[in-house]
Amino acid sequence: MFFLIIQLFKIEYKEDVLLALTSCDIKKGSTFEGYNLDKALQRDFPLFTGLIKSEDERERYSLLITAVVEKKAKAKELIDILKEADIDVEKEEILRLILLPVESVVDNEIHWERKT
């Protein structure tokens, strides 16, 4: 079992990445919005964070996507699906993909009995 972490640098690819995840049957996960650290350190945070006026400001934002996958092959499948959509993450700095080996501490086969 692996913990999949995707740091999406170019948020304009958000829908493409989420659709690719669904195509790989990776449906249970989480997304977190944030700032690219290098861009955040270059200038102060804007007064109105909801207004992204320029390309430079858009580059400051990132998206973190996490999920659990059973096999490493799912990550390769995800990259292949993105390539089919003309999104080559190995040539462009669109995202960073990380897999960490993990173990579950809760067995999904355990069914808790409710005391009444």
Protein backbone atom coordinates (compact mmCIF):
# COMPACT_ATOMS: atom_id res chain seq x y z
CA MET A 1 0.00 0.00 0.00
CA PHE A 2 1.28 3.48 -0.87
CA PHE A 3 0.42 7.04 0.06
CA LEU A 4 0.23 9.06 -3.15
CA ILE A 5 1.05 12.76 -2.92
CA ILE A 6 0.69 15.07 -5.90
CA GLN A 7 1.88 18.65 -5.62
CA LEU A 8 0.26 20.41 -8.57
CA PHE A 9 2.23 23.54 -9.46
CA LYS A 10 0.12 24.60 -12.44
CA ILE A 11 -3.44 24.76 -11.14
CA GLU A 12 -4.86 25.14 -14.64
CA TYR A 13 -4.33 21.35 -14.92
CA LYS A 14 -6.47 20.61 -11.85
CA GLU A 15 -9.47 19.14 -13.74
CA ASP A 16 -7.19 17.09 -16.00
CA VAL A 17 -5.36 15.55 -13.05
CA LEU A 18 -8.58 14.84 -11.14
CA LEU A 19 -10.11 13.18 -14.22
CA ALA A 20 -6.94 11.12 -14.71
CA LEU A 21 -7.10 9.98 -11.08
CA THR A 22 -10.71 8.90 -11.57
CA SER A 23 -9.73 7.08 -14.78
CA CYS A 24 -7.13 5.14 -12.74
CA ASP A 25 -9.88 4.22 -10.26
CA ILE A 26 -8.32 6.44 -7.59
CA LYS A 27 -11.43 8.03 -6.17
CA LYS A 28 -10.91 8.36 -2.45
CA GLY A 29 -8.53 11.17 -1.72
CA SER A 30 -8.23 14.73 -0.53
CA THR A 31 -7.22 18.07 -2.00
CA PHE A 32 -5.63 21.00 -0.20
CA GLU A 33 -5.10 24.46 -1.64
CA GLY A 34 -1.92 26.33 -0.82
CA TYR A 35 0.94 28.49 -2.00
CA ASN A 36 4.11 27.47 -3.80
CA LEU A 37 6.74 28.21 -1.19
CA ASP A 38 9.24 29.76 -3.61
CA LYS A 39 6.66 32.22 -4.96
CA ALA A 40 5.26 33.01 -1.50
CA LEU A 41 8.72 33.97 -0.28
CA GLN A 42 9.32 36.28 -3.25
CA ARG A 43 6.59 38.74 -2.32
CA ASP A 44 3.97 39.52 0.32
CA PHE A 45 0.60 37.82 0.29
CA PRO A 46 -2.03 39.79 -1.68
CA LEU A 47 -4.64 41.77 0.24
CA PHE A 48 -7.47 40.04 -1.61
CA THR A 49 -6.49 36.40 -2.02
CA GLY A 50 -9.53 35.61 -4.18
CA LEU A 51 -8.36 37.89 -6.98
CA ILE A 52 -5.67 36.36 -9.19
CA LYS A 53 -4.83 39.13 -11.65
CA SER A 54 -1.72 37.97 -13.45
CA GLU A 55 0.09 34.83 -14.56
CA ASP A 56 2.78 35.53 -11.96
CA GLU A 57 0.16 35.57 -9.19
CA ARG A 58 -1.42 32.36 -10.55
CA GLU A 59 1.98 30.63 -10.24
CA ARG A 60 1.94 31.31 -6.51
CA TYR A 61 -0.95 28.92 -5.92
CA SER A 62 -0.68 25.14 -5.78
CA LEU A 63 -2.86 22.17 -5.05
CA LEU A 64 -1.91 19.17 -2.94
CA ILE A 65 -3.74 15.93 -3.76
CA THR A 66 -3.42 12.86 -1.55
CA ALA A 67 -4.76 9.33 -1.86
CA VAL A 68 -3.93 5.76 -0.91
CA VAL A 69 -3.16 3.28 -3.72
CA GLU A 70 -2.52 -0.43 -3.48
CA LYS A 71 0.27 -0.68 -6.07
CA LYS A 72 3.01 1.47 -7.59
CA ALA A 73 1.57 0.67 -11.00
CA LYS A 74 -1.29 3.10 -10.30
CA ALA A 75 1.18 6.00 -10.36
CA LYS A 76 2.57 4.84 -13.71
CA GLU A 77 -0.96 4.45 -15.04
CA LEU A 78 -1.75 8.01 -13.93
CA ILE A 79 1.31 9.38 -15.75
CA ASP A 80 0.37 7.42 -18.89
CA ILE A 81 -3.19 8.78 -18.87
CA LEU A 82 -1.89 12.34 -18.52
CA LYS A 83 0.50 11.76 -21.45
CA GLU A 84 -2.45 10.55 -23.56
CA ALA A 85 -4.08 13.92 -22.80
CA ASP A 86 -0.90 15.70 -24.05
CA ILE A 87 0.19 16.54 -20.50
CA ASP A 88 3.78 15.33 -20.20
CA VAL A 89 4.62 15.67 -16.52
CA GLU A 90 8.06 14.16 -17.09
CA LYS A 91 9.12 16.99 -19.42
CA GLU A 92 7.27 19.98 -17.91
CA GLU A 93 7.24 21.12 -14.30
CA ILE A 94 3.49 20.72 -13.91
CA LEU A 95 3.45 18.56 -10.81
CA ARG A 96 5.51 16.49 -8.43
CA LEU A 97 4.32 12.94 -7.70
CA ILE A 98 5.51 11.05 -4.63
CA LEU A 99 4.71 7.54 -3.39
CA LEU A 100 5.41 6.56 0.20
CA PRO A 101 5.06 2.97 1.41
CA VAL A 102 2.53 2.82 4.25
CA GLU A 103 0.63 0.36 6.38
CA SER A 104 -2.95 0.74 7.49
CA VAL A 105 -3.51 0.76 11.25
CA VAL A 106 -7.23 0.11 10.84
CA ASP A 107 -8.32 -3.08 9.16
CA ASN A 108 -11.32 -2.35 6.93
CA GLU A 109 -12.60 -5.87 7.57
CA ILE A 110 -13.31 -5.10 11.22
CA HIS A 111 -16.95 -4.30 11.85
CA TRP A 112 -17.63 -2.56 15.12
CA GLU A 113 -20.69 -3.61 17.07
CA ARG A 114 -22.86 -0.84 18.39
CA LYS A 115 -23.87 -1.24 22.02
CA THR A 116 -27.52 -0.44 22.65
